[in-house]
């Protein structure tokens, strides 16, 4: 199954409004601290918005920069069927970290930049990203320390 998580250092309502500038083609359901739009869920995480998408959704770097709107953004994508992983960290529209790992096309694999929070993490395979996803779920601010 493929999973996609995007953290944006923004209020979840602002993150959703910004996303509508990119794609305004569906209905939304607004609940307490949560907005559901098509196959995406925007969750209130205090200073951060966590966007969870349906399996199979992934985003290219330019869309992620638009989504960040100059704010901090962390993008995780894993696909256990394809053995793929993508991890991108953006701050002020600058990519600080890029890890791309593709099971079927290893010639496209990329590992640019390192973050302080990766000190005890070795990214080599698609499922190594699970360690960083767990870290983001508990302390997302560490990615920008």
N, C-alpha and C. Protein backbone atom coordinates (compact mmCIF):
# COMPACT_ATOMS: atom_id res chain seq x y z
N UNK A 1 0.84 -1.18 0.00
CA UNK A 1 0.00 0.00 0.00
C UNK A 1 0.88 1.24 0.00
N UNK A 2 0.46 2.26 -0.69
CA UNK A 2 1.19 3.52 -0.74
C UNK A 2 0.62 4.49 0.28
N UNK A 3 1.51 5.27 0.88
CA UNK A 3 1.09 6.26 1.87
C UNK A 3 1.75 7.59 1.54
N UNK A 4 1.04 8.67 1.82
CA UNK A 4 1.59 9.99 1.59
C UNK A 4 1.21 10.89 2.76
N UNK A 5 2.22 11.51 3.38
CA UNK A 5 2.02 12.45 4.48
C UNK A 5 2.76 13.72 4.15
N UNK A 6 2.10 14.86 4.35
CA UNK A 6 2.73 16.15 4.11
C UNK A 6 2.50 17.02 5.34
N UNK A 7 3.58 17.51 5.94
CA UNK A 7 3.48 18.45 7.04
C UNK A 7 3.80 19.83 6.50
N UNK A 8 2.94 20.81 6.80
CA UNK A 8 3.18 22.19 6.41
C UNK A 8 3.09 23.05 7.66
N UNK A 9 4.08 23.91 7.84
CA UNK A 9 4.11 24.79 9.00
C UNK A 9 3.12 25.93 8.76
N UNK A 10 1.83 25.58 8.91
CA UNK A 10 0.75 26.50 8.61
C UNK A 10 -0.51 26.00 9.30
N UNK A 11 -1.41 26.90 9.57
CA UNK A 11 -2.74 26.53 10.06
C UNK A 11 -3.40 25.64 9.02
N UNK A 12 -4.12 24.62 9.47
CA UNK A 12 -4.71 23.68 8.51
C UNK A 12 -5.71 24.35 7.58
N UNK A 13 -6.42 25.37 8.05
CA UNK A 13 -7.37 26.08 7.19
C UNK A 13 -6.63 26.87 6.11
N UNK A 14 -5.53 27.52 6.50
CA UNK A 14 -4.72 28.26 5.52
C UNK A 14 -4.10 27.31 4.50
N UNK A 15 -3.62 26.15 4.98
CA UNK A 15 -3.03 25.16 4.07
C UNK A 15 -4.08 24.68 3.07
N UNK A 16 -5.29 24.47 3.53
CA UNK A 16 -6.37 24.04 2.64
C UNK A 16 -6.70 25.14 1.63
N UNK A 17 -6.84 26.38 2.09
CA UNK A 17 -7.14 27.50 1.18
C UNK A 17 -6.05 27.64 0.12
N UNK A 18 -4.80 27.48 0.54
CA UNK A 18 -3.70 27.55 -0.41
C UNK A 18 -3.79 26.42 -1.43
N UNK A 19 -4.15 25.23 -0.98
CA UNK A 19 -4.27 24.11 -1.91
C UNK A 19 -5.37 24.37 -2.93
N UNK A 20 -6.42 25.05 -2.54
CA UNK A 20 -7.50 25.36 -3.48
C UNK A 20 -7.00 26.25 -4.63
N UNK A 21 -5.93 27.01 -4.41
CA UNK A 21 -5.33 27.79 -5.50
C UNK A 21 -4.67 26.89 -6.53
N UNK A 22 -4.30 25.67 -6.12
CA UNK A 22 -3.67 24.71 -7.01
C UNK A 22 -4.72 23.83 -7.68
N UNK A 23 -5.71 23.40 -6.91
CA UNK A 23 -6.72 22.45 -7.41
C UNK A 23 -8.05 22.73 -6.73
N UNK A 24 -8.96 23.34 -7.48
CA UNK A 24 -10.28 23.65 -6.93
C UNK A 24 -11.33 22.91 -7.74
N UNK A 25 -11.38 21.59 -7.56
CA UNK A 25 -12.28 20.80 -8.39
C UNK A 25 -13.21 19.90 -7.60
N UNK A 26 -13.22 20.02 -6.30
CA UNK A 26 -14.05 19.09 -5.53
C UNK A 26 -14.75 19.74 -4.36
N UNK A 27 -15.63 19.00 -3.75
CA UNK A 27 -16.36 19.43 -2.56
C UNK A 27 -15.52 19.15 -1.32
N UNK A 28 -15.74 19.93 -0.29
CA UNK A 28 -15.02 19.69 0.95
C UNK A 28 -16.00 19.52 2.10
N UNK A 29 -15.54 18.81 3.12
CA UNK A 29 -16.31 18.61 4.34
C UNK A 29 -15.47 19.19 5.47
N UNK A 30 -16.03 20.17 6.18
CA UNK A 30 -15.31 20.83 7.26
C UNK A 30 -15.85 20.32 8.59
N UNK A 31 -14.94 19.79 9.40
CA UNK A 31 -15.26 19.32 10.74
C UNK A 31 -14.36 20.04 11.73
N UNK A 32 -14.49 19.73 13.00
CA UNK A 32 -13.65 20.33 14.01
C UNK A 32 -12.21 19.87 13.82
N UNK A 33 -11.31 20.79 13.52
CA UNK A 33 -9.87 20.56 13.36
C UNK A 33 -9.53 19.59 12.22
N UNK A 34 -10.42 19.53 11.20
CA UNK A 34 -10.20 18.61 10.09
C UNK A 34 -11.01 19.07 8.88
N UNK A 35 -10.37 19.03 7.72
CA UNK A 35 -11.05 19.31 6.46
C UNK A 35 -10.78 18.14 5.52
N UNK A 36 -11.83 17.60 4.93
CA UNK A 36 -11.68 16.53 3.95
C UNK A 36 -12.03 17.11 2.58
N UNK A 37 -11.10 16.92 1.65
CA UNK A 37 -11.26 17.45 0.30
C UNK A 37 -10.85 16.35 -0.68
N UNK A 38 -11.81 15.87 -1.46
CA UNK A 38 -11.56 14.74 -2.36
C UNK A 38 -10.91 13.61 -1.58
N UNK A 39 -9.70 13.21 -1.94
CA UNK A 39 -9.04 12.11 -1.25
C UNK A 39 -7.99 12.59 -0.24
N UNK A 40 -8.09 13.84 0.18
CA UNK A 40 -7.12 14.43 1.10
C UNK A 40 -7.79 14.81 2.41
N UNK A 41 -7.03 14.67 3.50
CA UNK A 41 -7.49 15.12 4.81
C UNK A 41 -6.48 16.11 5.35
N UNK A 42 -6.93 17.30 5.72
CA UNK A 42 -6.11 18.34 6.31
C UNK A 42 -6.40 18.35 7.81
N UNK A 43 -5.36 18.04 8.62
CA UNK A 43 -5.55 17.93 10.06
C UNK A 43 -4.82 19.04 10.80
N UNK A 44 -5.45 19.57 11.84
CA UNK A 44 -4.85 20.59 12.70
C UNK A 44 -3.86 19.92 13.64
N UNK A 45 -2.59 20.30 13.53
CA UNK A 45 -1.53 19.80 14.42
C UNK A 45 -0.84 20.99 15.09
N UNK A 46 -1.64 21.92 15.62
CA UNK A 46 -1.08 23.10 16.28
C UNK A 46 -0.50 24.06 15.25
N UNK A 47 0.80 24.28 15.32
CA UNK A 47 1.47 25.17 14.36
C UNK A 47 1.61 24.53 12.99
N UNK A 48 1.30 23.25 12.90
CA UNK A 48 1.48 22.51 11.66
C UNK A 48 0.14 21.98 11.15
N UNK A 49 0.10 21.76 9.86
CA UNK A 49 -1.01 21.05 9.22
C UNK A 49 -0.45 19.74 8.71
N UNK A 50 -1.13 18.64 8.98
CA UNK A 50 -0.76 17.34 8.43
C UNK A 50 -1.79 17.01 7.36
N UNK A 51 -1.29 16.76 6.16
CA UNK A 51 -2.15 16.36 5.05
C UNK A 51 -1.89 14.88 4.79
N UNK A 52 -2.95 14.10 4.83
CA UNK A 52 -2.87 12.68 4.53
C UNK A 52 -3.68 12.45 3.26
N UNK A 53 -3.09 11.75 2.31
CA UNK A 53 -3.79 11.48 1.06
C UNK A 53 -4.05 9.99 0.92
N UNK A 54 -4.89 9.67 -0.01
CA UNK A 54 -5.24 8.28 -0.26
C UNK A 54 -4.05 7.56 -0.89
N UNK A 55 -3.99 6.25 -0.73
CA UNK A 55 -2.91 5.47 -1.33
C UNK A 55 -2.77 5.76 -2.82
N UNK A 56 -1.51 5.91 -3.23
CA UNK A 56 -1.23 6.15 -4.64
C UNK A 56 -0.99 7.60 -4.99
N UNK A 57 -1.37 8.53 -4.12
CA UNK A 57 -1.13 9.95 -4.41
C UNK A 57 0.31 10.29 -4.10
N UNK A 58 0.94 11.02 -5.01
CA UNK A 58 2.27 11.55 -4.77
C UNK A 58 2.37 12.88 -5.49
N UNK A 59 3.35 13.71 -5.09
CA UNK A 59 3.42 15.09 -5.56
C UNK A 59 4.83 15.41 -6.02
N UNK A 60 4.94 16.15 -7.12
CA UNK A 60 6.27 16.55 -7.55
C UNK A 60 6.72 17.79 -6.79
N UNK A 61 7.99 18.08 -6.93
CA UNK A 61 8.62 19.15 -6.15
C UNK A 61 7.96 20.51 -6.37
N UNK A 62 7.60 20.82 -7.59
CA UNK A 62 7.01 22.13 -7.87
C UNK A 62 5.65 22.29 -7.18
N UNK A 63 4.84 21.24 -7.18
CA UNK A 63 3.54 21.28 -6.48
C UNK A 63 3.78 21.44 -4.99
N UNK A 64 4.77 20.74 -4.44
CA UNK A 64 5.07 20.85 -3.02
C UNK A 64 5.49 22.28 -2.66
N UNK A 65 6.26 22.91 -3.52
CA UNK A 65 6.66 24.31 -3.27
C UNK A 65 5.42 25.22 -3.28
N UNK A 66 4.51 24.97 -4.19
CA UNK A 66 3.27 25.75 -4.22
C UNK A 66 2.46 25.51 -2.96
N UNK A 67 2.41 24.26 -2.52
CA UNK A 67 1.65 23.93 -1.31
C UNK A 67 2.26 24.59 -0.08
N UNK A 68 3.59 24.69 -0.05
CA UNK A 68 4.26 25.26 1.12
C UNK A 68 4.03 26.76 1.23
N UNK A 69 3.87 27.42 0.09
CA UNK A 69 3.67 28.86 0.04
C UNK A 69 4.75 29.59 0.86
N UNK A 70 5.98 29.11 0.74
CA UNK A 70 7.10 29.73 1.43
C UNK A 70 7.31 29.25 2.86
N UNK A 71 6.39 28.43 3.37
CA UNK A 71 6.52 27.90 4.72
C UNK A 71 7.35 26.61 4.71
N UNK A 72 7.59 26.08 5.87
CA UNK A 72 8.29 24.81 6.01
C UNK A 72 7.36 23.68 5.60
N UNK A 73 7.91 22.69 4.90
CA UNK A 73 7.11 21.56 4.44
C UNK A 73 7.96 20.30 4.49
N UNK A 74 7.37 19.21 4.92
CA UNK A 74 8.01 17.90 4.92
C UNK A 74 7.08 16.94 4.18
N UNK A 75 7.61 16.26 3.20
CA UNK A 75 6.83 15.36 2.36
C UNK A 75 7.38 13.94 2.47
N UNK A 76 6.49 13.00 2.76
CA UNK A 76 6.83 11.58 2.82
C UNK A 76 5.91 10.82 1.88
N UNK A 77 6.49 9.97 1.07
CA UNK A 77 5.70 9.09 0.23
C UNK A 77 6.37 7.72 0.25
N UNK A 78 5.62 6.68 0.57
CA UNK A 78 6.15 5.32 0.50
C UNK A 78 5.14 4.43 -0.22
N UNK A 79 5.67 3.47 -0.95
CA UNK A 79 4.84 2.51 -1.67
C UNK A 79 5.47 1.14 -1.51
N UNK A 80 4.87 0.31 -0.66
CA UNK A 80 5.45 -1.00 -0.38
C UNK A 80 5.29 -1.98 -1.55
N UNK A 81 4.34 -1.73 -2.44
CA UNK A 81 4.18 -2.60 -3.60
C UNK A 81 5.27 -2.35 -4.64
N UNK A 82 5.61 -1.09 -4.85
CA UNK A 82 6.64 -0.72 -5.82
C UNK A 82 8.03 -0.60 -5.20
N UNK A 83 8.10 -0.64 -3.85
CA UNK A 83 9.35 -0.44 -3.11
C UNK A 83 9.94 0.94 -3.39
N UNK A 84 9.05 1.95 -3.40
CA UNK A 84 9.43 3.33 -3.67
C UNK A 84 9.32 4.18 -2.40
N UNK A 85 10.13 5.23 -2.34
CA UNK A 85 10.04 6.20 -1.25
C UNK A 85 10.50 7.56 -1.75
N UNK A 86 9.83 8.60 -1.26
CA UNK A 86 10.23 9.97 -1.53
C UNK A 86 10.17 10.75 -0.23
N UNK A 87 11.19 11.54 0.02
CA UNK A 87 11.27 12.36 1.23
C UNK A 87 11.88 13.69 0.80
N UNK A 88 11.10 14.76 0.96
CA UNK A 88 11.55 16.09 0.56
C UNK A 88 11.24 17.06 1.69
N UNK A 89 12.23 17.88 2.03
CA UNK A 89 12.06 18.92 3.05
C UNK A 89 12.32 20.26 2.38
N UNK A 90 11.36 21.17 2.56
CA UNK A 90 11.43 22.50 1.93
C UNK A 90 11.29 23.56 3.00
N UNK A 91 12.10 24.60 2.90
CA UNK A 91 11.97 25.77 3.76
C UNK A 91 12.16 27.01 2.90
N UNK A 92 11.19 27.89 2.93
CA UNK A 92 11.26 29.14 2.15
C UNK A 92 11.51 28.85 0.67
N UNK A 93 10.78 27.87 0.14
CA UNK A 93 10.85 27.44 -1.27
C UNK A 93 12.21 26.88 -1.69
N UNK A 94 13.06 26.55 -0.72
CA UNK A 94 14.35 25.94 -1.00
C UNK A 94 14.32 24.49 -0.50
N UNK A 95 14.74 23.57 -1.35
CA UNK A 95 14.79 22.17 -0.96
C UNK A 95 16.04 21.96 -0.10
N UNK A 96 15.82 21.56 1.16
CA UNK A 96 16.92 21.29 2.08
C UNK A 96 17.35 19.83 2.03
N UNK A 97 16.40 18.96 1.71
CA UNK A 97 16.67 17.52 1.74
C UNK A 97 15.84 16.84 0.67
N UNK A 98 16.49 15.93 -0.07
CA UNK A 98 15.80 15.18 -1.12
C UNK A 98 16.33 13.74 -1.09
N UNK A 99 15.44 12.81 -0.77
CA UNK A 99 15.76 11.38 -0.82
C UNK A 99 14.70 10.72 -1.68
N UNK A 100 15.12 10.17 -2.80
CA UNK A 100 14.22 9.49 -3.72
C UNK A 100 14.77 8.08 -3.93
N UNK A 101 13.94 7.08 -3.71
CA UNK A 101 14.36 5.69 -3.82
C UNK A 101 13.27 4.92 -4.58
N UNK A 102 13.65 4.39 -5.75
CA UNK A 102 12.68 3.70 -6.60
C UNK A 102 13.13 2.27 -6.87
N UNK A 103 12.29 1.32 -6.51
CA UNK A 103 12.62 -0.09 -6.67
C UNK A 103 12.83 -0.51 -8.11
N UNK A 104 11.99 -0.02 -9.03
CA UNK A 104 12.08 -0.43 -10.43
C UNK A 104 13.06 0.40 -11.25
N UNK A 105 13.39 1.60 -10.78
CA UNK A 105 14.28 2.49 -11.54
C UNK A 105 15.35 3.08 -10.63
N UNK A 106 16.28 2.25 -10.16
CA UNK A 106 17.30 2.73 -9.22
C UNK A 106 18.21 3.82 -9.79
N UNK A 107 18.26 3.93 -11.11
CA UNK A 107 19.08 4.99 -11.70
C UNK A 107 18.54 6.38 -11.39
N UNK A 108 17.28 6.47 -10.95
CA UNK A 108 16.67 7.75 -10.57
C UNK A 108 16.83 8.07 -9.08
N UNK A 109 17.40 7.14 -8.34
CA UNK A 109 17.56 7.36 -6.90
C UNK A 109 18.44 8.58 -6.63
N UNK A 110 18.06 9.35 -5.61
CA UNK A 110 18.76 10.58 -5.24
C UNK A 110 18.85 10.65 -3.73
N UNK A 111 19.96 11.16 -3.24
CA UNK A 111 20.14 11.36 -1.80
C UNK A 111 20.93 12.64 -1.60
N UNK A 112 20.24 13.78 -1.56
CA UNK A 112 20.87 15.10 -1.47
C UNK A 112 20.56 15.74 -0.13
N UNK A 113 21.61 16.24 0.53
CA UNK A 113 21.45 16.95 1.78
C UNK A 113 21.25 15.99 2.94
N UNK A 114 21.51 16.46 4.12
CA UNK A 114 21.27 15.70 5.36
C UNK A 114 20.74 16.68 6.40
N UNK A 115 19.89 16.19 7.27
CA UNK A 115 19.34 16.99 8.36
C UNK A 115 19.93 16.52 9.68
N UNK A 116 20.02 17.41 10.64
CA UNK A 116 20.55 17.04 11.96
C UNK A 116 19.74 15.90 12.58
N UNK A 117 18.45 15.88 12.35
CA UNK A 117 17.59 14.84 12.94
C UNK A 117 17.86 13.46 12.37
N UNK A 118 18.65 13.38 11.30
CA UNK A 118 18.97 12.09 10.68
C UNK A 118 20.24 11.46 11.25
N UNK A 119 20.78 12.04 12.30
CA UNK A 119 22.04 11.59 12.86
C UNK A 119 22.07 10.08 13.10
N UNK A 120 20.97 9.53 13.60
CA UNK A 120 20.90 8.10 13.93
C UNK A 120 20.05 7.31 12.93
N UNK A 121 19.86 7.87 11.74
CA UNK A 121 19.02 7.23 10.73
C UNK A 121 19.84 7.01 9.47
N UNK A 122 19.74 5.83 8.92
CA UNK A 122 20.41 5.52 7.66
C UNK A 122 19.36 5.28 6.59
N UNK A 123 19.29 6.16 5.62
CA UNK A 123 18.33 6.00 4.52
C UNK A 123 19.03 5.31 3.35
N UNK A 124 18.63 4.08 3.10
CA UNK A 124 19.15 3.35 1.94
C UNK A 124 18.03 2.71 1.13
N UNK A 125 16.99 2.27 1.82
CA UNK A 125 15.90 1.56 1.17
C UNK A 125 14.58 2.29 1.42
N UNK A 126 13.55 1.93 0.67
CA UNK A 126 12.26 2.61 0.75
C UNK A 126 11.69 2.59 2.17
N UNK A 127 11.81 1.48 2.89
CA UNK A 127 11.19 1.36 4.20
C UNK A 127 12.00 2.00 5.32
N UNK A 128 13.21 2.48 5.01
CA UNK A 128 13.98 3.22 6.02
C UNK A 128 13.29 4.54 6.37
N UNK A 129 12.43 5.00 5.51
CA UNK A 129 11.73 6.26 5.74
C UNK A 129 10.77 6.18 6.93
N UNK A 130 10.36 4.98 7.31
CA UNK A 130 9.46 4.81 8.45
C UNK A 130 10.00 5.45 9.72
N UNK A 131 11.31 5.40 9.90
CA UNK A 131 11.93 6.00 11.09
C UNK A 131 11.68 7.51 11.13
N UNK A 132 11.79 8.15 10.00
CA UNK A 132 11.59 9.61 9.94
C UNK A 132 10.12 9.99 10.03
N UNK A 133 9.25 9.14 9.50
CA UNK A 133 7.82 9.39 9.63
C UNK A 133 7.42 9.35 11.10
N UNK A 134 7.94 8.37 11.83
CA UNK A 134 7.67 8.29 13.28
C UNK A 134 8.18 9.52 14.01
N UNK A 135 9.38 9.98 13.63
CA UNK A 135 9.95 11.18 14.25
C UNK A 135 9.06 12.39 13.97
N UNK A 136 8.60 12.53 12.74
CA UNK A 136 7.73 13.66 12.39
C UNK A 136 6.43 13.61 13.17
N UNK A 137 5.87 12.41 13.35
CA UNK A 137 4.63 12.29 14.10
C UNK A 137 4.78 12.69 15.55
N UNK A 138 5.98 12.55 16.09
CA UNK A 138 6.17 12.89 17.51
C UNK A 138 6.78 14.28 17.70
N UNK A 139 7.62 14.74 16.76
CA UNK A 139 8.29 16.02 16.94
C UNK A 139 8.73 16.61 15.60
N UNK A 140 7.77 17.12 14.85
CA UNK A 140 8.02 17.59 13.49
C UNK A 140 9.02 18.74 13.45
N UNK A 141 9.10 19.55 14.49
CA UNK A 141 10.02 20.69 14.50
C UNK A 141 11.49 20.29 14.43
N UNK A 142 11.83 19.07 14.81
CA UNK A 142 13.23 18.63 14.79
C UNK A 142 13.82 18.62 13.38
N UNK A 143 12.99 18.58 12.37
CA UNK A 143 13.49 18.55 11.00
C UNK A 143 14.10 19.89 10.59
N UNK A 144 13.85 20.92 11.35
CA UNK A 144 14.37 22.24 11.02
C UNK A 144 15.29 22.79 12.11
N UNK A 145 15.78 21.92 12.99
CA UNK A 145 16.67 22.35 14.08
C UNK A 145 18.08 22.51 13.57
